[in-house]
Amino acid sequence: MMFKMALPRERWSVWLSAVFLCPFLLNVLSVDVEKCEELRLGQYICDAPKISDITQEPENCTNNTASAPNITCRNHNNIVSTFSGKEIGFYKPIPCRNVTGYSYKVAVALSLFLGWLGADRFYLGYPALGLLKFCTVGFCGIGSLIDFVLISVQIVGPADGSNYIIDYYGARLTRLSIDNDTYRKRQTDM
């Protein structure tokens, strides 16, 4: 008959602490550092972009220099860096919009004052709809009101697919969309 010998108390406590601490240590060591371009607003500091007076868009739409004081992140070369906040940390891409010369203010003003003549639709590049509004006197006023609302909330834009020229810090609307990568949070039953 074989008897199993119990582990001495010192070995038992070391083994027990290793069992409980190893997953924690592995988790701490395997924490993935965020990419610098994916830092949240407030974790980095960007200089204000230079805005063009004509297009109201940033002049250099590709990159903006950013620094991240006391933040560790992974740059585009996958090199992990810790920044003090005094040096240029990384380049942050700036979103740009395609504008071709259609002013939001002009479109709203034309829709409000001359919409019944179709001037707003002619201005935005929809000559057939402009002619229809002109011939029907703005669909008897109802079509002019509907067009005014659609242009005001930026649903109807220029016919060439570009965006309106709107002040950079002005009343720009951002459309939200849902795709297959959108996370949907389920409501729990109350």
Protein backbone atom coordinates (compact mmCIF):
# COMPACT_ATOMS: atom_id res chain seq x y z
CA MET A 1 0.00 0.00 0.00
CA MET A 2 1.20 3.46 -0.91
CA PHE A 3 0.54 6.45 1.22
CA LYS A 4 0.49 9.95 -0.24
CA MET A 5 2.46 12.35 1.71
CA ALA A 6 0.96 15.77 2.35
CA LEU A 7 2.89 18.76 1.09
CA PRO A 8 4.67 20.78 3.74
CA ARG A 9 2.84 23.94 4.77
CA GLU A 10 5.34 26.26 3.00
CA ARG A 11 4.99 24.46 -0.32
CA TRP A 12 1.23 24.31 0.00
CA SER A 13 0.93 28.09 0.54
CA VAL A 14 3.29 28.84 -2.37
CA TRP A 15 1.34 26.53 -4.65
CA LEU A 16 -2.00 28.04 -3.56
CA SER A 17 -0.80 31.63 -4.08
CA ALA A 18 0.62 30.71 -7.49
CA VAL A 19 -2.73 29.26 -8.53
CA PHE A 20 -4.57 32.43 -7.53
CA LEU A 21 -1.98 35.02 -8.59
CA CYS A 22 -0.88 33.61 -11.96
CA PRO A 23 -4.11 34.44 -13.81
CA PHE A 24 -3.98 37.96 -12.38
CA LEU A 25 -0.33 38.46 -13.36
CA LEU A 26 -0.91 37.03 -16.84
CA ASN A 27 -3.86 39.39 -17.27
CA VAL A 28 -1.78 42.41 -16.20
CA LEU A 29 1.09 41.46 -18.49
CA SER A 30 -1.16 40.78 -21.47
CA VAL A 31 -3.09 44.06 -21.38
CA ASP A 32 -3.14 45.36 -24.93
CA VAL A 33 -2.06 48.96 -25.30
CA GLU A 34 -4.47 51.07 -27.35
CA LYS A 35 -3.45 52.46 -30.70
CA CYS A 36 -2.63 56.17 -30.48
CA GLU A 37 -5.13 57.01 -33.24
CA GLU A 38 -7.93 55.33 -31.24
CA LEU A 39 -7.46 57.27 -27.99
CA ARG A 40 -10.60 58.85 -26.58
CA LEU A 41 -11.20 62.57 -26.63
CA GLY A 42 -9.48 64.05 -23.61
CA GLN A 43 -6.61 61.55 -23.59
CA TYR A 44 -4.67 63.57 -26.15
CA ILE A 45 -4.17 67.23 -26.98
CA CYS A 46 -4.36 68.49 -30.55
CA ASP A 47 -3.55 71.90 -31.83
CA ALA A 48 -6.56 73.56 -33.45
CA PRO A 49 -6.52 72.95 -37.21
CA LYS A 50 -6.09 75.89 -39.59
CA ILE A 51 -9.52 76.46 -41.15
CA SER A 52 -9.85 77.77 -44.71
CA ASP A 53 -11.98 80.92 -44.96
CA ILE A 54 -13.44 79.79 -48.29
CA THR A 55 -14.35 76.14 -47.68
CA GLN A 56 -14.61 76.20 -43.85
CA GLU A 57 -12.70 72.90 -43.78
CA PRO A 58 -9.23 72.16 -42.36
CA GLU A 59 -6.49 73.10 -44.83
CA ASN A 60 -4.53 69.89 -44.18
CA CYS A 61 -7.11 67.12 -43.90
CA THR A 62 -4.71 64.24 -43.60
CA ASN A 63 -3.02 64.67 -40.22
CA ASN A 64 -2.97 66.87 -37.17
CA THR A 65 -0.15 66.66 -34.65
CA ALA A 66 -1.20 65.46 -31.22
CA SER A 67 0.48 64.94 -27.91
CA ALA A 68 -0.70 62.69 -25.12
CA PRO A 69 0.64 63.66 -21.70
CA ASN A 70 1.27 60.68 -19.40
CA ILE A 71 -0.35 58.26 -21.88
CA THR A 72 1.15 55.05 -23.22
CA CYS A 73 -0.10 54.01 -26.64
CA ARG A 74 0.98 52.10 -29.73
CA ASN A 75 1.84 54.19 -32.83
CA HIS A 76 1.30 53.23 -36.48
CA ASN A 77 4.58 51.23 -36.45
CA ASN A 78 3.32 49.16 -33.46
CA ILE A 79 5.95 50.72 -31.19
CA VAL A 80 4.70 51.35 -27.65
CA SER A 81 5.58 54.84 -26.41
CA THR A 82 4.94 56.82 -23.25
CA PHE A 83 4.58 60.55 -23.82
CA SER A 84 5.44 63.37 -21.45
CA GLY A 85 3.19 65.87 -23.25
CA LYS A 86 6.02 68.12 -24.40
CA GLU A 87 6.88 66.29 -27.62
CA ILE A 88 4.74 65.56 -30.65
CA GLY A 89 3.33 62.17 -29.85
CA PHE A 90 1.62 61.02 -33.02
CA TYR A 91 -0.44 62.20 -35.94
CA LYS A 92 -4.22 62.18 -35.52
CA PRO A 93 -6.27 61.93 -38.73
CA ILE A 94 -8.76 64.77 -39.23
CA PRO A 95 -12.11 63.94 -40.82
CA CYS A 96 -12.76 66.02 -43.93
CA ARG A 97 -15.90 66.75 -45.89
CA ASN A 98 -16.18 67.22 -49.63
CA VAL A 99 -17.38 70.77 -50.39
CA THR A 100 -17.71 72.26 -53.87
CA GLY A 101 -19.13 75.73 -53.29
CA TYR A 102 -22.77 75.41 -52.22
CA SER A 103 -23.44 77.54 -49.17
CA TYR A 104 -25.90 76.32 -46.55
CA LYS A 105 -26.93 79.88 -45.66
CA VAL A 106 -27.68 80.76 -49.30
CA ALA A 107 -29.69 77.56 -49.82
CA VAL A 108 -31.83 78.18 -46.71
CA ALA A 109 -32.37 81.85 -47.64
CA LEU A 110 -33.39 80.97 -51.21
CA SER A 111 -35.73 78.29 -49.93
CA LEU A 112 -37.34 80.65 -47.44
CA PHE A 113 -37.79 83.70 -49.67
CA LEU A 114 -37.82 82.37 -53.25
CA GLY A 115 -38.71 78.73 -52.71
CA TRP A 116 -42.10 79.18 -54.32
CA LEU A 117 -40.26 80.05 -57.56
CA GLY A 118 -37.94 77.03 -57.29
CA ALA A 119 -34.79 79.14 -56.84
CA ASP A 120 -33.49 76.84 -54.10
CA ARG A 121 -33.69 73.77 -56.34
CA PHE A 122 -32.04 75.60 -59.26
CA TYR A 123 -29.24 76.72 -56.92
CA LEU A 124 -28.66 73.18 -55.60
CA GLY A 125 -28.47 71.70 -59.11
CA TYR A 126 -31.96 70.21 -59.52
CA PRO A 127 -33.26 72.10 -62.58
CA ALA A 128 -36.21 69.75 -63.26
CA LEU A 129 -37.56 70.14 -59.73
CA GLY A 130 -36.90 73.88 -59.86
CA LEU A 131 -38.90 74.15 -63.08
CA LEU A 132 -41.71 72.05 -61.58
CA LYS A 133 -41.87 74.30 -58.51
CA PHE A 134 -41.81 77.40 -60.74
CA CYS A 135 -44.68 76.13 -62.94
CA THR A 136 -46.84 75.02 -60.00
CA VAL A 137 -45.96 78.04 -57.83
CA GLY A 138 -44.18 75.88 -55.28
CA PHE A 139 -46.83 73.11 -55.31
CA CYS A 140 -49.29 75.70 -53.98
CA GLY A 141 -47.05 76.59 -51.03
CA ILE A 142 -46.92 73.13 -49.46
CA GLY A 143 -43.93 71.97 -51.53
CA SER A 144 -42.03 75.14 -50.63
CA LEU A 145 -42.59 74.51 -46.93
CA ILE A 146 -41.51 70.86 -47.25
CA ASP A 147 -38.39 71.87 -49.21
CA PHE A 148 -37.55 74.52 -46.62
CA VAL A 149 -37.67 71.90 -43.85
CA LEU A 150 -35.67 69.35 -45.88
CA ILE A 151 -32.95 71.90 -46.69
CA SER A 152 -32.88 73.28 -43.14
CA VAL A 153 -32.26 69.86 -41.58
CA GLN A 154 -29.68 69.09 -44.30
CA ILE A 155 -31.54 66.12 -45.79
CA VAL A 156 -31.57 67.71 -49.25
CA GLY A 157 -28.08 68.72 -50.29
CA PRO A 158 -26.33 69.69 -53.52
CA ALA A 159 -27.04 67.46 -56.52
CA ASP A 160 -23.35 66.64 -57.07
CA GLY A 161 -23.21 64.75 -53.74
CA SER A 162 -20.98 67.27 -52.00
CA ASN A 163 -21.67 68.87 -48.63
CA TYR A 164 -22.77 72.40 -47.88
CA ILE A 165 -20.21 74.99 -46.85
CA ILE A 166 -21.10 75.46 -43.19
CA ASP A 167 -19.04 77.30 -40.59
CA TYR A 168 -16.50 74.88 -39.12
CA TYR A 169 -17.90 75.36 -35.64
CA GLY A 170 -21.42 75.91 -36.97
CA ALA A 171 -24.64 73.90 -37.10
CA ARG A 172 -23.37 70.80 -38.87
CA LEU A 173 -25.49 67.72 -38.56
CA THR A 174 -23.97 64.26 -38.43
CA ARG A 175 -25.99 61.33 -39.68
CA LEU A 176 -25.85 58.22 -37.57
CA SER A 177 -26.16 54.88 -39.27
CA ILE A 178 -26.42 51.29 -38.19
CA ASP A 179 -24.45 48.54 -39.88
CA ASN A 180 -23.36 45.00 -39.03
CA ASP A 181 -20.57 46.28 -36.76
CA THR A 182 -22.91 48.38 -34.60
CA TYR A 183 -23.30 47.11 -31.06
CA ARG A 184 -26.91 46.95 -29.94
CA LYS A 185 -27.48 46.95 -26.21
CA ARG A 186 -30.46 44.88 -25.20
CA GLN A 187 -32.92 46.30 -22.72
CA THR A 188 -33.43 44.12 -19.71
CA ASP A 189 -36.92 43.27 -18.61
CA MET A 190 -38.04 45.35 -15.69
